[in-house]
């Protein structure tokens, strides 16, 4: 729950903002109506204060015109679009530290109907296209306040060749179970080995709770579930001491919970960081034990000249083989979408 909810002037002019306002008021949260469109009052006396203030603030704003030009996001999906920016969780490896600038306030977009209407221009009749909405937020983590994820699921349930992809570290899925998704939304949970989830994933549901939520989403409607295609994103994979043992225990746990036939995929993402994200994360979490020692990594450069630090190629090869073998052994009908 945020401690502060602010609505910009432009957001309040959007009809959908009234639905968000009703939801927020139902929790008796304090609401501020801003006289302009700039979210203020986020800076504290230190970087840590600023972080705390921003993370406790939900800002209802309008998505800027630039967000209506979608970007491809391989290998996760054909396109990404955004219904919010910022996340209420406190993951010490957070990728948003290198993606979003300024204080990590959670912004949700009041012009959601226009955002969804814009997607038709990126659909292609007869050619399945996938759309990811979890790049800049955890939509399930704020769904009780916004209702925006349910609106997206309903929208994609009416499309012929467009598919929604959602990933979360939260477990409040009950109100999603009866939505008319028509198999066009794949609900995924991000999970990790116990030393990672227990140490670095603050403010999230436990891995056990996430897996139980995924089970409810995957179960057929006649069994009280949601009947969704589902997936697991194991990320970020950290090659710490005894990593094979810890990830074996995670895969065993997944196997115990998802002990039924379901449409299941895996996405495997190894830990990486950039110089910029490391700097931001160290201001957000100055006491973190997260290993970001460049000397233990290889440098990877992208086509734009950016730099990131990844595990050495020989370690990556061993880890990729481990996960492919262990997943195939437990889930022979599941698909591994990619390793990165």
C-alpha atoms as a PDB file:
ATOM      1  CA  UNK A   1       0.000   0.000   0.000  1.00  0.00           C
ATOM      2  CA  UNK A   2       1.365   3.430  -0.871  1.00  0.00           C
ATOM      3  CA  UNK A   3       1.466   6.114   1.795  1.00  0.00           C
ATOM      4  CA  UNK A   4       0.712   8.813  -0.732  1.00  0.00           C
ATOM      5  CA  UNK A   5      -1.374   8.827  -3.923  1.00  0.00           C
ATOM      6  CA  UNK A   6      -1.187  11.805  -6.277  1.00  0.00           C
ATOM      7  CA  UNK A   7      -3.191  12.565  -9.408  1.00  0.00           C
ATOM      8  CA  UNK A   8      -1.861  14.983 -11.992  1.00  0.00           C
ATOM      9  CA  UNK A   9      -4.203  17.520 -13.548  1.00  0.00           C
ATOM     10  CA  UNK A  10      -4.128  15.762 -16.924  1.00  0.00           C
ATOM     11  CA  UNK A  11      -4.766  12.352 -15.366  1.00  0.00           C
ATOM     12  CA  UNK A  12      -7.922  13.547 -13.622  1.00  0.00           C
ATOM     13  CA  UNK A  13      -9.362  14.522 -16.989  1.00  0.00           C
ATOM     14  CA  UNK A  14      -9.225  10.885 -18.107  1.00  0.00           C
ATOM     15  CA  UNK A  15     -12.403   8.859 -17.423  1.00  0.00           C
ATOM     16  CA  UNK A  16     -10.351   5.799 -16.417  1.00  0.00           C
ATOM     17  CA  UNK A  17      -8.733   7.823 -13.635  1.00  0.00           C
ATOM     18  CA  UNK A  18     -12.080   7.877 -11.849  1.00  0.00           C
ATOM     19  CA  UNK A  19     -11.968   4.086 -11.561  1.00  0.00           C
ATOM     20  CA  UNK A  20      -8.491   4.276 -10.067  1.00  0.00           C
ATOM     21  CA  UNK A  21      -9.651   7.021  -7.703  1.00  0.00           C
ATOM     22  CA  UNK A  22     -12.529   4.852  -6.470  1.00  0.00           C
ATOM     23  CA  UNK A  23     -10.185   1.931  -5.852  1.00  0.00           C
ATOM     24  CA  UNK A  24      -7.709   4.100  -3.951  1.00  0.00           C
ATOM     25  CA  UNK A  25     -10.448   5.674  -1.849  1.00  0.00           C
ATOM     26  CA  UNK A  26     -11.813   2.225  -0.981  1.00  0.00           C
ATOM     27  CA  UNK A  27      -8.555   1.622   0.901  1.00  0.00           C
ATOM     28  CA  UNK A  28      -8.866   4.982   2.693  1.00  0.00           C
ATOM     29  CA  UNK A  29      -5.588   6.167   1.229  1.00  0.00           C
ATOM     30  CA  UNK A  30      -4.825   9.899   1.218  1.00  0.00           C
ATOM     31  CA  UNK A  31      -5.255  11.460  -2.228  1.00  0.00           C
ATOM     32  CA  UNK A  32      -3.621  14.639  -3.528  1.00  0.00           C
ATOM     33  CA  UNK A  33      -4.830  16.403  -6.668  1.00  0.00           C
ATOM     34  CA  UNK A  34      -1.953  18.298  -8.229  1.00  0.00           C
ATOM     35  CA  UNK A  35      -2.473  21.642  -9.917  1.00  0.00           C
ATOM     36  CA  UNK A  36      -0.123  20.657 -12.750  1.00  0.00           C
ATOM     37  CA  UNK A  37       1.334  17.587 -14.416  1.00  0.00           C
ATOM     38  CA  UNK A  38       4.695  17.400 -12.678  1.00  0.00           C
ATOM     39  CA  UNK A  39       4.964  14.993  -9.749  1.00  0.00           C
ATOM     40  CA  UNK A  40       6.695  16.826  -6.906  1.00  0.00           C
ATOM     41  CA  UNK A  41       7.667  16.152  -3.310  1.00  0.00           C
ATOM     42  CA  UNK A  42       9.802  13.098  -4.050  1.00  0.00           C
ATOM     43  CA  UNK A  43      13.212  14.352  -2.960  1.00  0.00           C
ATOM     44  CA  UNK A  44      14.534  13.650   0.508  1.00  0.00           C
ATOM     45  CA  UNK A  45      17.635  14.793   2.337  1.00  0.00           C
ATOM     46  CA  UNK A  46      19.625  11.794   1.097  1.00  0.00           C
ATOM     47  CA  UNK A  47      19.476   9.298  -1.750  1.00  0.00           C
ATOM     48  CA  UNK A  48      18.016   6.757   0.640  1.00  0.00           C
ATOM     49  CA  UNK A  49      15.324   9.193   1.805  1.00  0.00           C
ATOM     50  CA  UNK A  50      14.432   9.947  -1.805  1.00  0.00           C
ATOM     51  CA  UNK A  51      14.197   6.233  -2.525  1.00  0.00           C
ATOM     52  CA  UNK A  52      11.870   5.653   0.438  1.00  0.00           C
ATOM     53  CA  UNK A  53       9.600   8.597  -0.401  1.00  0.00           C
ATOM     54  CA  UNK A  54       9.345   7.602  -4.071  1.00  0.00           C
ATOM     55  CA  UNK A  55       8.698   3.921  -3.373  1.00  0.00           C
ATOM     56  CA  UNK A  56       5.820   4.871  -1.059  1.00  0.00           C
ATOM     57  CA  UNK A  57       4.195   7.132  -3.653  1.00  0.00           C
ATOM     58  CA  UNK A  58       1.708   6.116  -6.339  1.00  0.00           C
ATOM     59  CA  UNK A  59       1.382   8.781  -9.020  1.00  0.00           C
ATOM     60  CA  UNK A  60      -1.546   8.586 -11.420  1.00  0.00           C
ATOM     61  CA  UNK A  61      -0.350  10.283 -14.602  1.00  0.00           C
ATOM     62  CA  UNK A  62      -0.889  10.129 -18.363  1.00  0.00           C
ATOM     63  CA  UNK A  63       1.475   8.175 -20.578  1.00  0.00           C
ATOM     64  CA  UNK A  64       3.491  10.561 -22.758  1.00  0.00           C
ATOM     65  CA  UNK A  65       3.082  10.556 -26.559  1.00  0.00           C
ATOM     66  CA  UNK A  66       6.451   8.824 -26.947  1.00  0.00           C
ATOM     67  CA  UNK A  67       5.106   5.702 -25.233  1.00  0.00           C
ATOM     68  CA  UNK A  68       2.659   5.125 -28.083  1.00  0.00           C
ATOM     69  CA  UNK A  69       5.551   4.198 -30.363  1.00  0.00           C
ATOM     70  CA  UNK A  70       6.243   0.639 -29.289  1.00  0.00           C
ATOM     71  CA  UNK A  71       9.668  -0.970 -29.206  1.00  0.00           C
ATOM     72  CA  UNK A  72      10.483  -4.621 -29.909  1.00  0.00           C
ATOM     73  CA  UNK A  73      11.834  -6.579 -26.953  1.00  0.00           C
ATOM     74  CA  UNK A  74      13.470  -9.808 -28.080  1.00  0.00           C
ATOM     75  CA  UNK A  75      13.669 -12.497 -26.885  1.00  0.00           C
ATOM     76  CA  UNK A  76      10.768 -11.883 -24.465  1.00  0.00           C
ATOM     77  CA  UNK A  77       8.149 -10.650 -26.925  1.00  0.00           C
ATOM     78  CA  UNK A  78       7.556  -8.969 -30.262  1.00  0.00           C
ATOM     79  CA  UNK A  79       6.578  -5.666 -28.618  1.00  0.00           C
ATOM     80  CA  UNK A  80       6.543  -4.011 -25.222  1.00  0.00           C
ATOM     81  CA  UNK A  81       3.989  -1.525 -23.991  1.00  0.00           C
ATOM     82  CA  UNK A  82       3.556   0.088 -20.615  1.00  0.00           C
ATOM     83  CA  UNK A  83       0.570   0.548 -18.329  1.00  0.00           C
ATOM     84  CA  UNK A  84       2.786   1.778 -15.481  1.00  0.00           C
ATOM     85  CA  UNK A  85       6.393   2.554 -14.625  1.00  0.00           C
ATOM     86  CA  UNK A  86       8.081   1.712 -11.349  1.00  0.00           C
ATOM     87  CA  UNK A  87       7.584  -1.196  -8.991  1.00  0.00           C
ATOM     88  CA  UNK A  88       6.562  -1.497  -5.320  1.00  0.00           C
ATOM     89  CA  UNK A  89       9.035  -4.321  -4.642  1.00  0.00           C
ATOM     90  CA  UNK A  90      12.559  -3.854  -3.249  1.00  0.00           C
ATOM     91  CA  UNK A  91      14.746  -6.230  -5.270  1.00  0.00           C
ATOM     92  CA  UNK A  92      18.374  -5.352  -4.721  1.00  0.00           C
ATOM     93  CA  UNK A  93      19.315  -6.333  -8.298  1.00  0.00           C
ATOM     94  CA  UNK A  94      16.439  -4.308  -9.817  1.00  0.00           C
ATOM     95  CA  UNK A  95      16.836  -3.813 -13.564  1.00  0.00           C
ATOM     96  CA  UNK A  96      14.769  -0.640 -13.441  1.00  0.00           C
ATOM     97  CA  UNK A  97      17.769   1.023 -11.792  1.00  0.00           C
ATOM     98  CA  UNK A  98      19.354   1.184 -15.213  1.00  0.00           C
ATOM     99  CA  UNK A  99      16.162   1.722 -17.218  1.00  0.00           C
ATOM    100  CA  UNK A 100      14.189   4.498 -15.517  1.00  0.00           C
ATOM    101  CA  UNK A 101      15.709   7.797 -14.472  1.00  0.00           C
ATOM    102  CA  UNK A 102      14.972   9.822 -11.374  1.00  0.00           C
ATOM    103  CA  UNK A 103      13.401   8.721  -8.076  1.00  0.00           C
ATOM    104  CA  UNK A 104      11.747   5.264  -8.318  1.00  0.00           C
ATOM    105  CA  UNK A 105       8.168   6.531  -7.932  1.00  0.00           C
ATOM    106  CA  UNK A 106       5.413   4.213  -9.167  1.00  0.00           C
ATOM    107  CA  UNK A 107       3.518   5.862 -12.016  1.00  0.00           C
ATOM    108  CA  UNK A 108       0.335   4.303 -13.373  1.00  0.00           C
ATOM    109  CA  UNK A 109      -1.236   5.567 -16.564  1.00  0.00           C
ATOM    110  CA  UNK A 110      -4.752   6.996 -16.551  1.00  0.00           C
ATOM    111  CA  UNK A 111      -5.081   6.986 -20.343  1.00  0.00           C
ATOM    112  CA  UNK A 112      -5.213   3.192 -20.457  1.00  0.00           C
ATOM    113  CA  UNK A 113      -8.027   2.985 -23.063  1.00  0.00           C
ATOM    114  CA  UNK A 114      -5.892   4.949 -25.534  1.00  0.00           C
ATOM    115  CA  UNK A 115      -2.860   2.765 -24.755  1.00  0.00           C
ATOM    116  CA  UNK A 116      -4.851  -0.374 -25.566  1.00  0.00           C
ATOM    117  CA  UNK A 117      -6.450   1.119 -28.692  1.00  0.00           C
ATOM    118  CA  UNK A 118      -2.967   1.926 -29.995  1.00  0.00           C
ATOM    119  CA  UNK A 119      -1.960  -1.747 -29.973  1.00  0.00           C
ATOM    120  CA  UNK A 120      -4.089  -2.571 -33.019  1.00  0.00           C
ATOM    121  CA  UNK A 121      -1.538  -0.796 -35.230  1.00  0.00           C
ATOM    122  CA  UNK A 122       1.064  -3.399 -34.144  1.00  0.00           C
ATOM    123  CA  UNK A 123      -1.114  -6.450 -34.648  1.00  0.00           C
ATOM    124  CA  UNK A 124      -0.832  -8.439 -37.869  1.00  0.00           C
ATOM    125  CA  UNK A 125      -3.810 -10.511 -39.065  1.00  0.00           C
ATOM    126  CA  UNK A 126      -2.861 -14.153 -39.393  1.00  0.00           C
ATOM    127  CA  UNK A 127       0.517 -13.633 -37.702  1.00  0.00           C
ATOM    128  CA  UNK A 128       0.630 -14.147 -33.907  1.00  0.00           C
ATOM    129  CA  UNK A 129       2.232 -11.194 -32.104  1.00  0.00           C
ATOM    130  CA  UNK A 130       3.204 -11.097 -28.427  1.00  0.00           C
ATOM    131  CA  UNK A 131       3.076  -8.027 -26.182  1.00  0.00           C
ATOM    132  CA  UNK A 132       5.000  -7.727 -22.894  1.00  0.00           C
ATOM    133  CA  UNK A 133       3.753  -5.342 -20.181  1.00  0.00           C
ATOM    134  CA  UNK A 134       6.134  -6.180 -17.331  1.00  0.00           C
ATOM    135  CA  UNK A 135       9.291  -4.420 -18.510  1.00  0.00           C
ATOM    136  CA  UNK A 136       8.929  -1.298 -16.385  1.00  0.00           C
ATOM    137  CA  UNK A 137       6.603  -2.460 -13.607  1.00  0.00           C
ATOM    138  CA  UNK A 138       5.111  -5.430 -11.805  1.00  0.00           C
ATOM    139  CA  UNK A 139       1.468  -4.986 -12.865  1.00  0.00           C
ATOM    140  CA  UNK A 140       0.132  -7.492 -10.347  1.00  0.00           C
ATOM    141  CA  UNK A 141       1.801  -5.659  -7.470  1.00  0.00           C
ATOM    142  CA  UNK A 142      -0.412  -2.584  -8.044  1.00  0.00           C
ATOM    143  CA  UNK A 143      -3.458  -4.265  -9.583  1.00  0.00           C
ATOM    144  CA  UNK A 144      -5.602  -3.809  -6.443  1.00  0.00           C
ATOM    145  CA  UNK A 145      -5.115  -0.045  -6.866  1.00  0.00           C
ATOM    146  CA  UNK A 146      -5.394   0.256 -10.648  1.00  0.00           C
ATOM    147  CA  UNK A 147      -7.401  -2.599 -12.177  1.00  0.00           C
ATOM    148  CA  UNK A 148      -5.298  -2.044 -15.301  1.00  0.00           C
ATOM    149  CA  UNK A 149      -4.006  -5.597 -15.660  1.00  0.00           C
ATOM    150  CA  UNK A 150      -7.556  -6.974 -15.758  1.00  0.00           C
ATOM    151  CA  UNK A 151      -8.431  -4.439 -18.474  1.00  0.00           C
ATOM    152  CA  UNK A 152      -5.471  -5.636 -20.531  1.00  0.00           C
ATOM    153  CA  UNK A 153      -6.419  -9.301 -20.092  1.00  0.00           C
ATOM    154  CA  UNK A 154      -9.969  -8.552 -21.221  1.00  0.00           C
ATOM    155  CA  UNK A 155      -8.687  -6.640 -24.245  1.00  0.00           C
ATOM    156  CA  UNK A 156      -6.373  -9.425 -25.422  1.00  0.00           C
ATOM    157  CA  UNK A 157      -9.157 -11.938 -24.880  1.00  0.00           C
ATOM    158  CA  UNK A 158     -11.014 -10.265 -27.762  1.00  0.00           C
ATOM    159  CA  UNK A 159      -8.082 -10.285 -30.229  1.00  0.00           C
ATOM    160  CA  UNK A 160      -7.405 -12.904 -32.856  1.00  0.00           C
ATOM    161  CA  UNK A 161      -3.631 -12.908 -33.209  1.00  0.00           C
ATOM    162  CA  UNK A 162      -2.352 -10.841 -30.276  1.00  0.00           C
ATOM    163  CA  UNK A 163      -1.099 -12.343 -27.018  1.00  0.00           C
ATOM    164  CA  UNK A 164      -0.306 -10.686 -23.690  1.00  0.00           C
ATOM    165  CA  UNK A 165       2.681 -11.624 -21.540  1.00  0.00           C
ATOM    166  CA  UNK A 166       2.761 -10.773 -17.823  1.00  0.00           C
ATOM    167  CA  UNK A 167       5.348 -11.586 -15.155  1.00  0.00           C
ATOM    168  CA  UNK A 168       5.169 -10.917 -11.413  1.00  0.00           C
ATOM    169  CA  UNK A 169       6.657 -11.575  -7.992  1.00  0.00           C
ATOM    170  CA  UNK A 170       3.282 -11.121  -6.268  1.00  0.00           C
ATOM    171  CA  UNK A 171       0.494 -13.589  -5.618  1.00  0.00           C
ATOM    172  CA  UNK A 172      -2.867 -11.724  -5.499  1.00  0.00           C
ATOM    173  CA  UNK A 173      -4.369 -13.535  -8.488  1.00  0.00           C
ATOM    174  CA  UNK A 174      -7.863 -14.412  -7.253  1.00  0.00           C
ATOM    175  CA  UNK A 175      -9.622 -11.616  -9.138  1.00  0.00           C
ATOM    176  CA  UNK A 176      -7.943 -12.653 -12.377  1.00  0.00           C
ATOM    177  CA  UNK A 177      -9.199 -16.236 -12.375  1.00  0.00           C
ATOM    178  CA  UNK A 178     -12.614 -15.595 -13.926  1.00  0.00           C
ATOM    179  CA  UNK A 179     -11.547 -13.095 -16.581  1.00  0.00           C
ATOM    180  CA  UNK A 180     -12.328 -13.921 -20.253  1.00  0.00           C
ATOM    181  CA  UNK A 181      -8.712 -14.316 -21.352  1.00  0.00           C
ATOM    182  CA  UNK A 182      -9.464 -16.942 -24.030  1.00  0.00           C
ATOM    183  CA  UNK A 183      -5.940 -18.301 -23.700  1.00  0.00           C
ATOM    184  CA  UNK A 184      -4.418 -15.046 -24.978  1.00  0.00           C
ATOM    185  CA  UNK A 185      -2.608 -14.082 -21.754  1.00  0.00           C
ATOM    186  CA  UNK A 186       0.372 -16.027 -20.451  1.00  0.00           C
ATOM    187  CA  UNK A 187       0.766 -15.420 -16.731  1.00  0.00           C
ATOM    188  CA  UNK A 188       4.325 -15.972 -15.506  1.00  0.00           C
ATOM    189  CA  UNK A 189       5.967 -15.857 -12.127  1.00  0.00           C
ATOM    190  CA  UNK A 190       9.538 -14.759 -11.555  1.00  0.00           C
ATOM    191  CA  UNK A 191      11.211 -17.138  -9.119  1.00  0.00           C
ATOM    192  CA  UNK A 192      14.694 -17.781  -7.793  1.00  0.00           C
ATOM    193  CA  UNK A 193      16.759 -20.028  -5.577  1.00  0.00           C
ATOM    194  CA  UNK A 194      16.365 -19.529  -1.831  1.00  0.00           C
ATOM    195  CA  UNK A 195      19.655 -17.634  -1.243  1.00  0.00           C
ATOM    196  CA  UNK A 196      18.614 -15.075  -3.885  1.00  0.00           C
ATOM    197  CA  UNK A 197      14.906 -14.726  -3.120  1.00  0.00           C
ATOM    198  CA  UNK A 198      15.464 -14.698   0.619  1.00  0.00           C
ATOM    199  CA  UNK A 199      18.259 -12.128   0.584  1.00  0.00           C
ATOM    200  CA  UNK A 200      17.597  -9.836  -2.359  1.00  0.00           C
ATOM    201  CA  UNK A 201      13.826  -9.756  -3.057  1.00  0.00           C
ATOM    202  CA  UNK A 202      12.330  -7.494  -0.407  1.00  0.00           C
ATOM    203  CA  UNK A 203       8.652  -6.619  -0.366  1.00  0.00           C
ATOM    204  CA  UNK A 204       7.570  -9.497  -2.595  1.00  0.00           C
ATOM    205  CA  UNK A 205       5.469 -12.601  -2.062  1.00  0.00           C
ATOM    206  CA  UNK A 206       7.472 -15.669  -1.096  1.00  0.00           C
ATOM    207  CA  UNK A 207       8.489 -18.046  -3.868  1.00  0.00           C
ATOM    208  CA  UNK A 208       6.137 -20.636  -2.368  1.00  0.00           C
ATOM    209  CA  UNK A 209       3.241 -18.166  -2.544  1.00  0.00           C
ATOM    210  CA  UNK A 210       4.123 -17.235  -6.117  1.00  0.00           C
ATOM    211  CA  UNK A 211       4.149 -20.870  -7.173  1.00  0.00           C
ATOM    212  CA  UNK A 212       0.817 -21.558  -5.486  1.00  0.00           C
ATOM    213  CA  UNK A 213      -0.618 -18.522  -7.274  1.00  0.00           C
ATOM    214  CA  UNK A 214       0.709 -19.850 -10.578  1.00  0.00           C
ATOM    215  CA  UNK A 215      -0.915 -23.191  -9.846  1.00  0.00           C
ATOM    216  CA  UNK A 216      -4.280 -21.460  -9.349  1.00  0.00           C
ATOM    217  CA  UNK A 217      -3.832 -19.592 -12.610  1.00  0.00           C
ATOM    218  CA  UNK A 218      -2.955 -22.798 -14.489  1.00  0.00           C
ATOM    219  CA  UNK A 219      -5.655 -25.087 -13.095  1.00  0.00           C
ATOM    220  CA  UNK A 220      -8.650 -25.588 -15.405  1.00  0.00           C
ATOM    221  CA  UNK A 221     -11.759 -23.527 -14.751  1.00  0.00           C
ATOM    222  CA  UNK A 222     -13.694 -26.650 -13.752  1.00  0.00           C
ATOM    223  CA  UNK A 223     -11.115 -27.214 -11.000  1.00  0.00           C
ATOM    224  CA  UNK A 224     -11.459 -23.684  -9.659  1.00  0.00           C
ATOM    225  CA  UNK A 225      -8.498 -22.244 -11.529  1.00  0.00           C
ATOM    226  CA  UNK A 226      -8.031 -19.678 -14.226  1.00  0.00           C
ATOM    227  CA  UNK A 227      -7.132 -21.931 -17.144  1.00  0.00           C
ATOM    228  CA  UNK A 228      -4.295 -19.649 -18.216  1.00  0.00           C
ATOM    229  CA  UNK A 229      -1.179 -20.581 -20.153  1.00  0.00           C
ATOM    230  CA  UNK A 230       1.572 -20.059 -17.583  1.00  0.00           C
ATOM    231  CA  UNK A 231       5.301 -19.658 -17.339  1.00  0.00           C
ATOM    232  CA  UNK A 232       8.263 -19.401 -15.016  1.00  0.00           C
ATOM    233  CA  UNK A 233      10.965 -16.799 -15.378  1.00  0.00           C
ATOM    234  CA  UNK A 234      14.007 -17.947 -13.406  1.00  0.00           C
ATOM    235  CA  UNK A 235      15.841 -14.674 -12.997  1.00  0.00           C
ATOM    236  CA  UNK A 236      18.335 -13.423 -12.329  1.00  0.00           C
ATOM    237  CA  UNK A 237      20.228 -16.702 -12.165  1.00  0.00           C
ATOM    238  CA  UNK A 238      23.190 -16.173  -9.845  1.00  0.00           C
ATOM    239  CA  UNK A 239      26.114 -18.572  -9.986  1.00  0.00           C
ATOM    240  CA  UNK A 240      26.935 -18.413  -6.299  1.00  0.00           C
ATOM    241  CA  UNK A 241      28.582 -21.187  -4.263  1.00  0.00           C
ATOM    242  CA  UNK A 242      26.607 -24.451  -4.579  1.00  0.00           C
ATOM    243  CA  UNK A 243      24.343 -22.878  -7.190  1.00  0.00           C
ATOM    244  CA  UNK A 244      23.482 -26.270  -8.731  1.00  0.00           C
ATOM    245  CA  UNK A 245      22.176 -27.513  -5.391  1.00  0.00           C
ATOM    246  CA  UNK A 246      20.098 -24.405  -4.739  1.00  0.00           C
ATOM    247  CA  UNK A 247      18.549 -24.347  -8.218  1.00  0.00           C
ATOM    248  CA  UNK A 248      17.922 -28.096  -8.062  1.00  0.00           C
ATOM    249  CA  UNK A 249      15.889 -27.469  -4.905  1.00  0.00           C
ATOM    250  CA  UNK A 250      13.960 -24.712  -6.696  1.00  0.00           C
ATOM    251  CA  UNK A 251      13.153 -26.942  -9.673  1.00  0.00           C
ATOM    252  CA  UNK A 252      12.064 -29.718  -7.303  1.00  0.00           C
ATOM    253  CA  UNK A 253       9.735 -27.260  -5.575  1.00  0.00           C
ATOM    254  CA  UNK A 254       8.281 -26.140  -8.906  1.00  0.00           C
ATOM    255  CA  UNK A 255       7.748 -29.770  -9.884  1.00  0.00           C
ATOM    256  CA  UNK A 256       5.878 -30.489  -6.658  1.00  0.00           C
ATOM    257  CA  UNK A 257       3.519 -27.536  -7.081  1.00  0.00           C
ATOM    258  CA  UNK A 258       2.892 -27.841 -10.828  1.00  0.00           C
ATOM    259  CA  UNK A 259       2.144 -31.553 -10.686  1.00  0.00           C
ATOM    260  CA  UNK A 260      -0.485 -31.435 -13.447  1.00  0.00           C
ATOM    261  CA  UNK A 261      -0.682 -30.988 -17.187  1.00  0.00           C
ATOM    262  CA  UNK A 262      -0.542 -27.323 -18.187  1.00  0.00           C
ATOM    263  CA  UNK A 263       0.736 -25.066 -20.935  1.00  0.00           C
ATOM    264  CA  UNK A 264       4.084 -24.208 -19.343  1.00  0.00           C
ATOM    265  CA  UNK A 265       7.125 -22.256 -20.528  1.00  0.00           C
ATOM    266  CA  UNK A 266      10.486 -21.373 -18.968  1.00  0.00           C
ATOM    267  CA  UNK A 267      12.623 -18.278 -19.487  1.00  0.00           C
ATOM    268  CA  UNK A 268      16.162 -18.326 -18.115  1.00  0.00           C
ATOM    269  CA  UNK A 269      17.981 -15.048 -17.482  1.00  0.00           C
ATOM    270  CA  UNK A 270      21.440 -14.903 -15.941  1.00  0.00           C
ATOM    271  CA  UNK A 271      22.421 -12.015 -13.704  1.00  0.00           C
ATOM    272  CA  UNK A 272      24.022  -9.013 -15.382  1.00  0.00           C
ATOM    273  CA  UNK A 273      24.531  -5.356 -14.568  1.00  0.00           C
ATOM    274  CA  UNK A 274      25.720  -2.152 -16.178  1.00  0.00           C
ATOM    275  CA  UNK A 275      27.990   0.513 -14.719  1.00  0.00           C
ATOM    276  CA  UNK A 276      24.970   2.821 -14.442  1.00  0.00           C
ATOM    277  CA  UNK A 277      22.703   0.302 -12.747  1.00  0.00           C
ATOM    278  CA  UNK A 278      25.452  -0.651 -10.282  1.00  0.00           C
ATOM    279  CA  UNK A 279      25.880   2.981  -9.259  1.00  0.00           C
ATOM    280  CA  UNK A 280      22.150   3.485  -8.716  1.00  0.00           C
ATOM    281  CA  UNK A 281      21.693   0.193  -6.855  1.00  0.00           C
ATOM    282  CA  UNK A 282      24.514   1.024  -4.473  1.00  0.00           C
ATOM    283  CA  UNK A 283      22.768   4.275  -3.547  1.00  0.00           C
ATOM    284  CA  UNK A 284      19.428   2.492  -3.105  1.00  0.00           C
ATOM    285  CA  UNK A 285      20.865  -0.475  -1.152  1.00  0.00           C
ATOM    286  CA  UNK A 286      24.196   0.629   0.357  1.00  0.00           C
ATOM    287  CA  UNK A 287      24.401  -2.415   2.662  1.00  0.00           C
ATOM    288  CA  UNK A 288      23.604  -4.970  -0.036  1.00  0.00           C
ATOM    289  CA  UNK A 289      25.715  -8.119  -0.358  1.00  0.00           C
ATOM    290  CA  UNK A 290      24.868  -8.434  -4.050  1.00  0.00           C
ATOM    291  CA  UNK A 291      27.998  -9.498  -5.961  1.00  0.00           C
ATOM    292  CA  UNK A 292      28.728  -6.918  -8.665  1.00  0.00           C
ATOM    293  CA  UNK A 293      32.487  -7.416  -8.924  1.00  0.00           C
ATOM    294  CA  UNK A 294      33.466  -6.565 -12.504  1.00  0.00           C
ATOM    295  CA  UNK A 295      36.648  -8.632 -12.164  1.00  0.00           C
ATOM    296  CA  UNK A 296      34.516 -11.791 -11.994  1.00  0.00           C
ATOM    297  CA  UNK A 297      32.579 -10.964 -15.179  1.00  0.00           C
ATOM    298  CA  UNK A 298      33.008 -10.602 -18.909  1.00  0.00           C
ATOM    299  CA  UNK A 299      32.202  -7.371 -20.716  1.00  0.00           C
ATOM    300  CA  UNK A 300      29.395  -7.497 -23.257  1.00  0.00           C
ATOM    301  CA  UNK A 301      28.757  -4.536 -25.545  1.00  0.00           C
ATOM    302  CA  UNK A 302      25.566  -3.829 -27.441  1.00  0.00           C
ATOM    303  CA  UNK A 303      25.174  -2.251 -30.870  1.00  0.00           C
ATOM    304  CA  UNK A 304      24.647   1.162 -29.275  1.00  0.00           C
ATOM    305  CA  UNK A 305      27.990   1.058 -27.461  1.00  0.00           C
ATOM    306  CA  UNK A 306      26.510   0.223 -24.069  1.00  0.00           C
ATOM    307  CA  UNK A 307      28.361  -2.049 -21.660  1.00  0.00           C
ATOM    308  CA  UNK A 308      27.088  -4.775 -19.363  1.00  0.00           C
ATOM    309  CA  UNK A 309      28.867  -7.288 -17.183  1.00  0.00           C
ATOM    310  CA  UNK A 310      27.868 -10.942 -17.592  1.00  0.00           C
ATOM    311  CA  UNK A 311      29.201 -14.269 -16.367  1.00  0.00           C
ATOM    312  CA  UNK A 312      32.161 -15.742 -18.253  1.00  0.00           C
ATOM    313  CA  UNK A 313      31.278 -17.827 -21.317  1.00  0.00           C
ATOM    314  CA  UNK A 314      32.416 -21.142 -19.816  1.00  0.00           C
ATOM    315  CA  UNK A 315      30.235 -20.624 -16.730  1.00  0.00           C
ATOM    316  CA  UNK A 316      27.278 -19.618 -18.904  1.00  0.00           C
ATOM    317  CA  UNK A 317      27.649 -22.768 -20.988  1.00  0.00           C
ATOM    318  CA  UNK A 318      27.688 -24.997 -17.897  1.00  0.00           C
ATOM    319  CA  UNK A 319      24.674 -23.229 -16.379  1.00  0.00           C
ATOM    320  CA  UNK A 320      22.667 -23.319 -19.616  1.00  0.00           C
ATOM    321  CA  UNK A 321      23.257 -27.055 -19.962  1.00  0.00           C
ATOM    322  CA  UNK A 322      22.314 -27.649 -16.314  1.00  0.00           C
ATOM    323  CA  UNK A 323      18.968 -25.887 -16.622  1.00  0.00           C
ATOM    324  CA  UNK A 324      18.093 -27.457 -19.968  1.00  0.00           C
ATOM    325  CA  UNK A 325      18.744 -30.973 -18.658  1.00  0.00           C
ATOM    326  CA  UNK A 326      17.035 -30.500 -15.295  1.00  0.00           C
ATOM    327  CA  UNK A 327      13.946 -28.796 -16.744  1.00  0.00           C
ATOM    328  CA  UNK A 328      13.565 -31.378 -19.501  1.00  0.00           C
ATOM    329  CA  UNK A 329      13.811 -34.176 -16.939  1.00  0.00           C
ATOM    330  CA  UNK A 330      11.015 -32.748 -14.782  1.00  0.00           C
ATOM    331  CA  UNK A 331       8.860 -31.054 -17.417  1.00  0.00           C
ATOM    332  CA  UNK A 332       9.241 -32.935 -20.722  1.00  0.00           C
ATOM    333  CA  UNK A 333       6.339 -31.103 -22.362  1.00  0.00           C
ATOM    334  CA  UNK A 334       7.386 -27.590 -21.268  1.00  0.00           C
ATOM    335  CA  UNK A 335       9.156 -25.197 -23.615  1.00  0.00           C
ATOM    336  CA  UNK A 336      12.333 -23.300 -22.747  1.00  0.00           C
ATOM    337  CA  UNK A 337      11.816 -20.058 -24.652  1.00  0.00           C
ATOM    338  CA  UNK A 338      15.337 -18.721 -24.268  1.00  0.00           C
ATOM    339  CA  UNK A 339      18.510 -18.520 -22.209  1.00  0.00           C
ATOM    340  CA  UNK A 340      20.255 -15.183 -21.905  1.00  0.00           C
END
